[in-house]
Amino acid sequence: QVQLVESGGGLVQAGDSLRLSCAQSGRTLSGHHMAWFRQAPGKEREFVAGIRWYSGTTKYADSVKGRFTMTRDIGENTVYLQMDSLIPEDTAVYYCAARARGSWDISIGYHDYAYWGQGTQVTVSS
């Protein structure tokens, strides 16, 4: 069984930084394309960032481009989301997700992801 476990969320002020981590336990998802999504109250879950596991190529939502950086540690089977210059609009529950093995590429659609973590709350005060 695969488990994705997020950590690193919290309450910060606008302009601050946070680093989220997503660790895999159980059967690892090495080789699976990974992504971060977020969901604010009353809103749909939205794509934040994604990474191709082996190449490290990344893709970002326009709203976070230049402020967020997604990386992965192949040896640790862990992905990270470095979030800088946080703004109140970044407030949401952040989820780590993985596509099924053999998937062609990163997807911005949450329906395309087979594995999910439990989420970690990020709150940015103004």
Foldseek 3Di string as FASTA:
>chain_A
DKAWAKDWADEEAAQAKIKMKIAIDDDAPQQWKKFKWWDDPPGDIWTAKIAGRPVRDMDGDPVQPPFWDWGADRVRSMIMIIGGRDDQVPWTWMKMFTADHPDDDDDGDPVRTDHIHPTDTHGYHD
